[in-house]
PDB file of N, CA and C in Angstrom:
ATOM      1  N   MET A   1     133.805 121.637  99.897  1.00  0.00           N
ATOM      2  CA  MET A   1     132.693 122.205  99.295  1.00  0.00           C
ATOM      3  C   MET A   1     132.325 121.458  97.997  1.00  0.00           C
ATOM      4  N   ALA A   2     133.310 120.884  97.328  1.00  0.00           N
ATOM      5  CA  ALA A   2     133.063 120.252  96.116  1.00  0.00           C
ATOM      6  C   ALA A   2     132.126 119.014  96.302  1.00  0.00           C
ATOM      7  N   LYS A   3     132.322 118.305  97.404  1.00  0.00           N
ATOM      8  CA  LYS A   3     131.502 117.154  97.764  1.00  0.00           C
ATOM      9  C   LYS A   3     130.078 117.576  97.970  1.00  0.00           C
ATOM     10  N   LYS A   4     129.759 118.736  98.568  1.00  0.00           N
ATOM     11  CA  LYS A   4     128.424 119.100  98.768  1.00  0.00           C
ATOM     12  C   LYS A   4     127.702 119.403  97.433  1.00  0.00           C
ATOM     13  N   LYS A   5     128.396 119.940  96.466  1.00  0.00           N
ATOM     14  CA  LYS A   5     127.749 120.271  95.173  1.00  0.00           C
ATOM     15  C   LYS A   5     127.496 118.943  94.453  1.00  0.00           C
ATOM     16  N   LYS A   6     128.321 117.962  94.523  1.00  0.00           N
ATOM     17  CA  LYS A   6     128.136 116.778  93.825  1.00  0.00           C
ATOM     18  C   LYS A   6     126.905 115.990  94.435  1.00  0.00           C
ATOM     19  N   GLN A   7     126.815 116.004  95.776  1.00  0.00           N
ATOM     20  CA  GLN A   7     125.660 115.448  96.393  1.00  0.00           C
ATOM     21  C   GLN A   7     124.388 116.072  95.950  1.00  0.00           C
ATOM     22  N   GLN A   8     124.384 117.321  95.884  1.00  0.00           N
ATOM     23  CA  GLN A   8     123.240 118.163  95.521  1.00  0.00           C
ATOM     24  C   GLN A   8     122.815 117.794  94.086  1.00  0.00           C
ATOM     25  N   ARG A   9     123.698 117.636  93.253  1.00  0.00           N
ATOM     26  CA  ARG A   9     123.445 117.280  91.882  1.00  0.00           C
ATOM     27  C   ARG A   9     122.819 115.938  91.647  1.00  0.00           C
ATOM     28  N   GLN A  10     123.320 114.916  92.522  1.00  0.00           N
ATOM     29  CA  GLN A  10     122.884 113.562  92.329  1.00  0.00           C
ATOM     30  C   GLN A  10     121.467 113.365  92.937  1.00  0.00           C
ATOM     31  N   GLN A  11     121.098 114.137  93.868  1.00  0.00           N
ATOM     32  CA  GLN A  11     119.712 113.930  94.452  1.00  0.00           C
ATOM     33  C   GLN A  11     118.648 114.200  93.451  1.00  0.00           C
ATOM     34  N   PRO A  12     118.627 115.241  92.616  1.00  0.00           N
ATOM     35  CA  PRO A  12     117.547 115.451  91.581  1.00  0.00           C
ATOM     36  C   PRO A  12     117.419 114.224  90.587  1.00  0.00           C
ATOM     37  N   ALA A  13     118.639 113.710  90.312  1.00  0.00           N
ATOM     38  CA  ALA A  13     118.694 112.591  89.349  1.00  0.00           C
ATOM     39  C   ALA A  13     117.976 111.328  89.989  1.00  0.00           C
ATOM     40  N   GLN A  14     118.130 111.165  91.246  1.00  0.00           N
ATOM     41  CA  GLN A  14     117.542 110.047  91.975  1.00  0.00           C
ATOM     42  C   GLN A  14     116.108 110.269  92.067  1.00  0.00           C
ATOM     43  N   GLN A  15     115.634 111.467  92.296  1.00  0.00           N
ATOM     44  CA  GLN A  15     114.236 111.721  92.385  1.00  0.00           C
ATOM     45  C   GLN A  15     113.508 111.535  91.041  1.00  0.00           C
ATOM     46  N   GLN A  16     114.207 111.958  89.975  1.00  0.00           N
ATOM     47  CA  GLN A  16     113.564 111.761  88.672  1.00  0.00           C
ATOM     48  C   GLN A  16     113.392 110.271  88.345  1.00  0.00           C
ATOM     49  N   SER A  17     114.387 109.451  88.726  1.00  0.00           N
ATOM     50  CA  SER A  17     114.311 108.055  88.421  1.00  0.00           C
ATOM     51  C   SER A  17     113.177 107.384  89.274  1.00  0.00           C
ATOM     52  N   ALA A  18     113.005 107.832  90.459  1.00  0.00           N
ATOM     53  CA  ALA A  18     111.946 107.332  91.307  1.00  0.00           C
ATOM     54  C   ALA A  18     110.584 107.680  90.741  1.00  0.00           C
ATOM     55  N   LYS A  19     110.471 108.882  90.198  1.00  0.00           N
ATOM     56  CA  LYS A  19     109.200 109.353  89.595  1.00  0.00           C
ATOM     57  C   LYS A  19     108.845 108.452  88.328  1.00  0.00           C
ATOM     58  N   SER A  20     109.949 108.177  87.596  1.00  0.00           N
ATOM     59  CA  SER A  20     109.721 107.476  86.318  1.00  0.00           C
ATOM     60  C   SER A  20     109.249 105.995  86.652  1.00  0.00           C
ATOM     61  N   GLU A  21     109.823 105.449  87.732  1.00  0.00           N
ATOM     62  CA  GLU A  21     109.449 104.132  88.150  1.00  0.00           C
ATOM     63  C   GLU A  21     107.961 104.119  88.630  1.00  0.00           C
ATOM     64  N   ALA A  22     107.582 105.128  89.315  1.00  0.00           N
ATOM     65  CA  ALA A  22     106.254 105.167  89.798  1.00  0.00           C
ATOM     66  C   ALA A  22     105.252 105.281  88.615  1.00  0.00           C
ATOM     67  N   LEU A  23     105.612 106.094  87.664  1.00  0.00           N
ATOM     68  CA  LEU A  23     104.714 106.202  86.512  1.00  0.00           C
ATOM     69  C   LEU A  23     104.685 104.990  85.647  1.00  0.00           C
ATOM     70  N   THR A  24     105.652 104.181  85.586  1.00  0.00           N
ATOM     71  CA  THR A  24     105.587 102.915  84.774  1.00  0.00           C
ATOM     72  C   THR A  24     104.957 101.727  85.502  1.00  0.00           C
ATOM     73  N   LEU A  25     104.528 101.881  86.707  1.00  0.00           N
ATOM     74  CA  LEU A  25     103.912 100.790  87.408  1.00  0.00           C
ATOM     75  C   LEU A  25     102.625 100.297  86.723  1.00  0.00           C
ATOM     76  N   LYS A  26     101.891 101.231  86.147  1.00  0.00           N
ATOM     77  CA  LYS A  26     100.632 100.871  85.414  1.00  0.00           C
ATOM     78  C   LYS A  26     101.003 100.095  84.211  1.00  0.00           C
ATOM     79  N   ASP A  27     102.173 100.526  83.519  1.00  0.00           N
ATOM     80  CA  ASP A  27     102.596  99.925  82.357  1.00  0.00           C
ATOM     81  C   ASP A  27     103.143  98.515  82.597  1.00  0.00           C
ATOM     82  N   GLN A  28     103.680  98.379  83.785  1.00  0.00           N
ATOM     83  CA  GLN A  28     104.304  97.106  84.146  1.00  0.00           C
ATOM     84  C   GLN A  28     103.189  96.026  84.427  1.00  0.00           C
ATOM     85  N   LEU A  29     102.051  96.477  84.894  1.00  0.00           N
ATOM     86  CA  LEU A  29     101.022  95.474  85.294  1.00  0.00           C
ATOM     87  C   LEU A  29     100.381  94.945  83.887  1.00  0.00           C
ATOM     88  N   ASN A  30     100.085  93.805  83.982  1.00  0.00           N
ATOM     89  CA  ASN A  30      99.434  93.126  82.851  1.00  0.00           C
ATOM     90  C   ASN A  30      98.037  93.693  82.801  1.00  0.00           C
ATOM     91  N   GLY A  31      97.400  93.767  81.594  1.00  0.00           N
ATOM     92  CA  GLY A  31      96.027  94.302  81.379  1.00  0.00           C
ATOM     93  C   GLY A  31      95.065  93.504  82.191  1.00  0.00           C
ATOM     94  N   ASP A  32      95.223  92.173  82.190  1.00  0.00           N
ATOM     95  CA  ASP A  32      94.321  91.306  82.916  1.00  0.00           C
ATOM     96  C   ASP A  32      94.303  91.480  84.391  1.00  0.00           C
ATOM     97  N   VAL A  33      95.481  91.755  84.946  1.00  0.00           N
ATOM     98  CA  VAL A  33      95.715  92.010  86.358  1.00  0.00           C
ATOM     99  C   VAL A  33      95.036  93.311  86.652  1.00  0.00           C
ATOM    100  N   LEU A  34      95.277  94.270  85.912  1.00  0.00           N
ATOM    101  CA  LEU A  34      94.602  95.593  86.116  1.00  0.00           C
ATOM    102  C   LEU A  34      93.051  95.485  86.107  1.00  0.00           C
ATOM    103  N   GLU A  35      92.559  94.785  85.201  1.00  0.00           N
ATOM    104  CA  GLU A  35      91.114  94.563  85.042  1.00  0.00           C
ATOM    105  C   GLU A  35      90.606  93.899  86.262  1.00  0.00           C
ATOM    106  N   LYS A  36      91.278  92.802  86.798  1.00  0.00           N
ATOM    107  CA  LYS A  36      90.883  92.078  87.934  1.00  0.00           C
ATOM    108  C   LYS A  36      90.837  93.017  89.146  1.00  0.00           C
ATOM    109  N   LEU A  37      91.875  93.868  89.259  1.00  0.00           N
ATOM    110  CA  LEU A  37      91.842  94.788  90.335  1.00  0.00           C
ATOM    111  C   LEU A  37      90.651  95.765  90.320  1.00  0.00           C
ATOM    112  N   LYS A  38      90.295  96.313  89.109  1.00  0.00           N
ATOM    113  CA  LYS A  38      89.212  97.170  88.916  1.00  0.00           C
ATOM    114  C   LYS A  38      87.872  96.385  89.290  1.00  0.00           C
ATOM    115  N   LEU A  39      87.798  95.246  88.890  1.00  0.00           N
ATOM    116  CA  LEU A  39      86.635  94.431  89.192  1.00  0.00           C
ATOM    117  C   LEU A  39      86.388  94.158  90.671  1.00  0.00           C
ATOM    118  N   ALA A  40      87.596  93.774  91.302  1.00  0.00           N
ATOM    119  CA  ALA A  40      87.564  93.569  92.771  1.00  0.00           C
ATOM    120  C   ALA A  40      87.191  94.885  93.503  1.00  0.00           C
ATOM    121  N   LYS A  41      87.647  95.989  93.031  1.00  0.00           N
ATOM    122  CA  LYS A  41      87.266  97.279  93.658  1.00  0.00           C
ATOM    123  C   LYS A  41      85.709  97.569  93.547  1.00  0.00           C
ATOM    124  N   LYS A  42      85.254  97.260  92.344  1.00  0.00           N
ATOM    125  CA  LYS A  42      83.783  97.463  92.192  1.00  0.00           C
ATOM    126  C   LYS A  42      82.976  96.569  93.074  1.00  0.00           C
ATOM    127  N   ASP A  43      83.459  95.312  93.177  1.00  0.00           N
ATOM    128  CA  ASP A  43      82.833  94.313  94.036  1.00  0.00           C
ATOM    129  C   ASP A  43      82.775  94.810  95.486  1.00  0.00           C
ATOM    130  N   LEU A  44      83.933  95.294  95.967  1.00  0.00           N
ATOM    131  CA  LEU A  44      84.010  95.759  97.375  1.00  0.00           C
ATOM    132  C   LEU A  44      83.122  96.932  97.560  1.00  0.00           C
ATOM    133  N   VAL A  45      83.074  97.883  96.605  1.00  0.00           N
ATOM    134  CA  VAL A  45      82.159  99.008  96.743  1.00  0.00           C
ATOM    135  C   VAL A  45      80.717  98.585  96.874  1.00  0.00           C
ATOM    136  N   ALA A  46      80.341  97.664  95.981  1.00  0.00           N
ATOM    137  CA  ALA A  46      78.913  97.118  95.995  1.00  0.00           C
ATOM    138  C   ALA A  46      78.662  96.440  97.263  1.00  0.00           C
ATOM    139  N   LYS A  47      79.626  95.634  97.829  1.00  0.00           N
ATOM    140  CA  LYS A  47      79.313  94.992  99.103  1.00  0.00           C
ATOM    141  C   LYS A  47      79.185  95.964 100.290  1.00  0.00           C
ATOM    142  N   GLU A  48      80.020  97.088 100.248  1.00  0.00           N
ATOM    143  CA  GLU A  48      79.918  98.110 101.255  1.00  0.00           C
ATOM    144  C   GLU A  48      78.544  98.791 101.203  1.00  0.00           C
ATOM    145  N   GLN A  49      78.098  99.110 100.025  1.00  0.00           N
ATOM    146  CA  GLN A  49      76.785  99.761  99.845  1.00  0.00           C
ATOM    147  C   GLN A  49      75.679  98.843 100.320  1.00  0.00           C
ATOM    148  N   ALA A  50      75.778  97.607 100.023  1.00  0.00           N
ATOM    149  CA  ALA A  50      74.724  96.606 100.437  1.00  0.00           C
ATOM    150  C   ALA A  50      74.667  96.551 101.936  1.00  0.00           C
ATOM    151  N   ALA A  51      75.893  96.490 102.573  1.00  0.00           N
ATOM    152  CA  ALA A  51      75.962  96.436 104.090  1.00  0.00           C
ATOM    153  C   ALA A  51      75.381  97.710 104.687  1.00  0.00           C
ATOM    154  N   GLN A  52      75.658  98.803 104.030  1.00  0.00           N
ATOM    155  CA  GLN A  52      75.112 100.061 104.567  1.00  0.00           C
ATOM    156  C   GLN A  52      73.595 100.181 104.487  1.00  0.00           C
ATOM    157  N   ASP A  53      73.117  99.696 103.297  1.00  0.00           N
ATOM    158  CA  ASP A  53      71.656  99.689 103.162  1.00  0.00           C
ATOM    159  C   ASP A  53      71.001  98.684 104.140  1.00  0.00           C
ATOM    160  N   GLU A  54      71.628  97.594 104.363  1.00  0.00           N
ATOM    161  CA  GLU A  54      71.095  96.646 105.313  1.00  0.00           C
ATOM    162  C   GLU A  54      71.076  97.201 106.729  1.00  0.00           C
ATOM    163  N   ARG A  55      72.193  97.906 107.183  1.00  0.00           N
ATOM    164  CA  ARG A  55      72.206  98.496 108.501  1.00  0.00           C
ATOM    165  C   ARG A  55      71.068  99.608 108.610  1.00  0.00           C
ATOM    166  N   GLU A  56      70.847 100.413 107.525  1.00  0.00           N
ATOM    167  CA  GLU A  56      69.772 101.400 107.619  1.00  0.00           C
ATOM    168  C   GLU A  56      68.453 100.786 107.758  1.00  0.00           C
ATOM    169  N   ALA A  57      68.175  99.782 106.981  1.00  0.00           N
ATOM    170  CA  ALA A  57      66.903  99.123 107.029  1.00  0.00           C
ATOM    171  C   ALA A  57      66.743  98.495 108.392  1.00  0.00           C
ATOM    172  N   LYS A  58      67.723  97.871 109.008  1.00  0.00           N
ATOM    173  CA  LYS A  58      67.610  97.221 110.303  1.00  0.00           C
ATOM    174  C   LYS A  58      67.240  98.297 111.359  1.00  0.00           C
ATOM    175  N   LEU A  59      67.922  99.441 111.279  1.00  0.00           N
ATOM    176  CA  LEU A  59      67.679 100.573 112.183  1.00  0.00           C
ATOM    177  C   LEU A  59      66.223 101.030 112.098  1.00  0.00           C
ATOM    178  N   ALA A  60      65.750 101.283 110.864  1.00  0.00           N
ATOM    179  CA  ALA A  60      64.369 101.625 110.629  1.00  0.00           C
ATOM    180  C   ALA A  60      63.366 100.616 111.216  1.00  0.00           C
ATOM    181  N   PHE A  61      63.645  99.369 111.066  1.00  0.00           N
ATOM    182  CA  PHE A  61      62.736  98.361 111.480  1.00  0.00           C
ATOM    183  C   PHE A  61      62.755  98.337 113.042  1.00  0.00           C
ATOM    184  N   GLU A  62      63.859  98.463 113.662  1.00  0.00           N
ATOM    185  CA  GLU A  62      64.001  98.533 115.093  1.00  0.00           C
ATOM    186  C   GLU A  62      63.171  99.715 115.711  1.00  0.00           C
ATOM    187  N   ARG A  63      63.423 100.865 115.034  1.00  0.00           N
ATOM    188  CA  ARG A  63      62.795 102.070 115.429  1.00  0.00           C
ATOM    189  C   ARG A  63      61.203 101.918 115.346  1.00  0.00           C
ATOM    190  N   LYS A  64      60.752 101.285 114.248  1.00  0.00           N
ATOM    191  CA  LYS A  64      59.309 101.081 114.069  1.00  0.00           C
ATOM    192  C   LYS A  64      58.833 100.093 115.151  1.00  0.00           C
ATOM    193  N   GLN A  65      59.610  99.036 115.459  1.00  0.00           N
ATOM    194  CA  GLN A  65      59.193  98.069 116.519  1.00  0.00           C
ATOM    195  C   GLN A  65      59.162  98.782 117.888  1.00  0.00           C
ATOM    196  N   ARG A  66      60.118  99.691 118.190  1.00  0.00           N
ATOM    197  CA  ARG A  66      60.031 100.349 119.522  1.00  0.00           C
ATOM    198  C   ARG A  66      58.819 101.255 119.607  1.00  0.00           C
ATOM    199  N   GLU A  67      58.512 101.876 118.462  1.00  0.00           N
ATOM    200  CA  GLU A  67      57.339 102.745 118.421  1.00  0.00           C
ATOM    201  C   GLU A  67      55.974 101.883 118.613  1.00  0.00           C
ATOM    202  N   LYS A  68      56.003 100.815 118.026  1.00  0.00           N
ATOM    203  CA  LYS A  68      54.856  99.851 118.098  1.00  0.00           C
ATOM    204  C   LYS A  68      54.690  99.300 119.459  1.00  0.00           C
ATOM    205  N   ASN A  69      55.749  99.040 120.196  1.00  0.00           N
ATOM    206  CA  ASN A  69      55.620  98.493 121.551  1.00  0.00           C
ATOM    207  C   ASN A  69      55.562  99.435 122.604  1.00  0.00           C
ATOM    208  N   LYS A  70      55.382 100.716 122.347  1.00  0.00           N
ATOM    209  CA  LYS A  70      55.280 101.726 123.499  1.00  0.00           C
ATOM    210  C   LYS A  70      53.902 101.612 124.069  1.00  0.00           C
ATOM    211  N   SER A  71      53.883 101.856 125.364  1.00  0.00           N
ATOM    212  CA  SER A  71      52.558 101.736 126.121  1.00  0.00           C
ATOM    213  C   SER A  71      51.772 103.065 125.846  1.00  0.00           C
ATOM    214  N   PHE A  72      50.594 103.052 126.217  1.00  0.00           N
ATOM    215  CA  PHE A  72      49.719 104.185 125.981  1.00  0.00           C
ATOM    216  C   PHE A  72      50.272 105.406 126.764  1.00  0.00           C
ATOM    217  N   GLU A  73      50.772 105.172 127.922  1.00  0.00           N
ATOM    218  CA  GLU A  73      51.391 106.298 128.743  1.00  0.00           C
ATOM    219  C   GLU A  73      52.580 106.900 128.021  1.00  0.00           C
ATOM    220  N   GLU A  74      53.531 106.088 127.472  1.00  0.00           N
ATOM    221  CA  GLU A  74      54.620 106.526 126.774  1.00  0.00           C
ATOM    222  C   GLU A  74      54.226 107.369 125.574  1.00  0.00           C
ATOM    223  N   LEU A  75      53.220 106.864 124.797  1.00  0.00           N
ATOM    224  CA  LEU A  75      52.710 107.624 123.726  1.00  0.00           C
ATOM    225  C   LEU A  75      52.163 109.042 124.069  1.00  0.00           C
ATOM    226  N   LEU A  76      51.433 108.975 125.118  1.00  0.00           N
ATOM    227  CA  LEU A  76      50.805 110.255 125.599  1.00  0.00           C
ATOM    228  C   LEU A  76      51.822 111.245 126.054  1.00  0.00           C
ATOM    229  N   ASN A  77      52.768 110.757 126.786  1.00  0.00           N
ATOM    230  CA  ASN A  77      53.901 111.603 127.243  1.00  0.00           C
ATOM    231  C   ASN A  77      54.651 112.213 126.061  1.00  0.00           C
ATOM    232  N   GLU A  78      54.915 111.335 125.000  1.00  0.00           N
ATOM    233  CA  GLU A  78      55.677 111.772 123.877  1.00  0.00           C
ATOM    234  C   GLU A  78      54.975 112.765 122.973  1.00  0.00           C
ATOM    235  N   TYR A  79      53.729 112.378 122.683  1.00  0.00           N
ATOM    236  CA  TYR A  79      52.974 113.237 121.740  1.00  0.00           C
ATOM    237  C   TYR A  79      51.950 114.169 122.363  1.00  0.00           C
ATOM    238  N   GLY A  80      51.540 113.834 123.586  1.00  0.00           N
ATOM    239  CA  GLY A  80      50.610 114.798 124.297  1.00  0.00           C
ATOM    240  C   GLY A  80      49.414 115.116 123.560  1.00  0.00           C
ATOM    241  N   ASP A  81      49.104 116.434 123.445  1.00  0.00           N
ATOM    242  CA  ASP A  81      47.920 116.851 122.716  1.00  0.00           C
ATOM    243  C   ASP A  81      48.251 117.090 121.249  1.00  0.00           C
ATOM    244  N   LYS A  82      49.420 116.905 120.858  1.00  0.00           N
ATOM    245  CA  LYS A  82      49.759 117.073 119.421  1.00  0.00           C
ATOM    246  C   LYS A  82      49.148 116.014 118.561  1.00  0.00           C
ATOM    247  N   GLY A  83      48.737 116.450 117.361  1.00  0.00           N
ATOM    248  CA  GLY A  83      48.220 115.450 116.430  1.00  0.00           C
ATOM    249  C   GLY A  83      46.754 115.205 116.507  1.00  0.00           C
ATOM    250  N   SER A  84      46.038 115.707 117.462  1.00  0.00           N
ATOM    251  CA  SER A  84      44.671 115.414 117.626  1.00  0.00           C
ATOM    252  C   SER A  84      43.911 116.323 116.594  1.00  0.00           C
ATOM    253  N   LYS A  85      43.033 115.768 115.864  1.00  0.00           N
ATOM    254  CA  LYS A  85      42.297 116.567 114.917  1.00  0.00           C
ATOM    255  C   LYS A  85      41.121 117.297 115.570  1.00  0.00           C
ATOM    256  N   PHE A  86      40.868 117.005 116.872  1.00  0.00           N
ATOM    257  CA  PHE A  86      39.779 117.720 117.606  1.00  0.00           C
ATOM    258  C   PHE A  86      40.242 118.922 118.310  1.00  0.00           C
ATOM    259  N   ASN A  87      41.631 119.111 118.445  1.00  0.00           N
ATOM    260  CA  ASN A  87      42.048 120.283 119.170  1.00  0.00           C
ATOM    261  C   ASN A  87      41.889 121.493 118.340  1.00  0.00           C
ATOM    262  N   SER A  88      41.728 122.638 118.909  1.00  0.00           N
ATOM    263  CA  SER A  88      41.595 123.966 118.184  1.00  0.00           C
ATOM    264  C   SER A  88      42.769 124.781 118.347  1.00  0.00           C
TER     265      SER A  88
END
């Protein structure tokens, strides 16, 4: 039984040392390295946003082109009598 108690006492000490190591990671990094990482993160976020905007613009353009290329029959079937200013 004495062995179990010793093992239980050692585990919290190991957990505390692991927590202290994790907390000091920021301190261990050089300020320049940390700044480079932050800059790289901002750059990646900006690139992702630009790619998303480009995809949305492309989809809008394609949708507009499909609408533009519809035949009269397709337009009539889609819209029918809706939108006519002469309907009562």
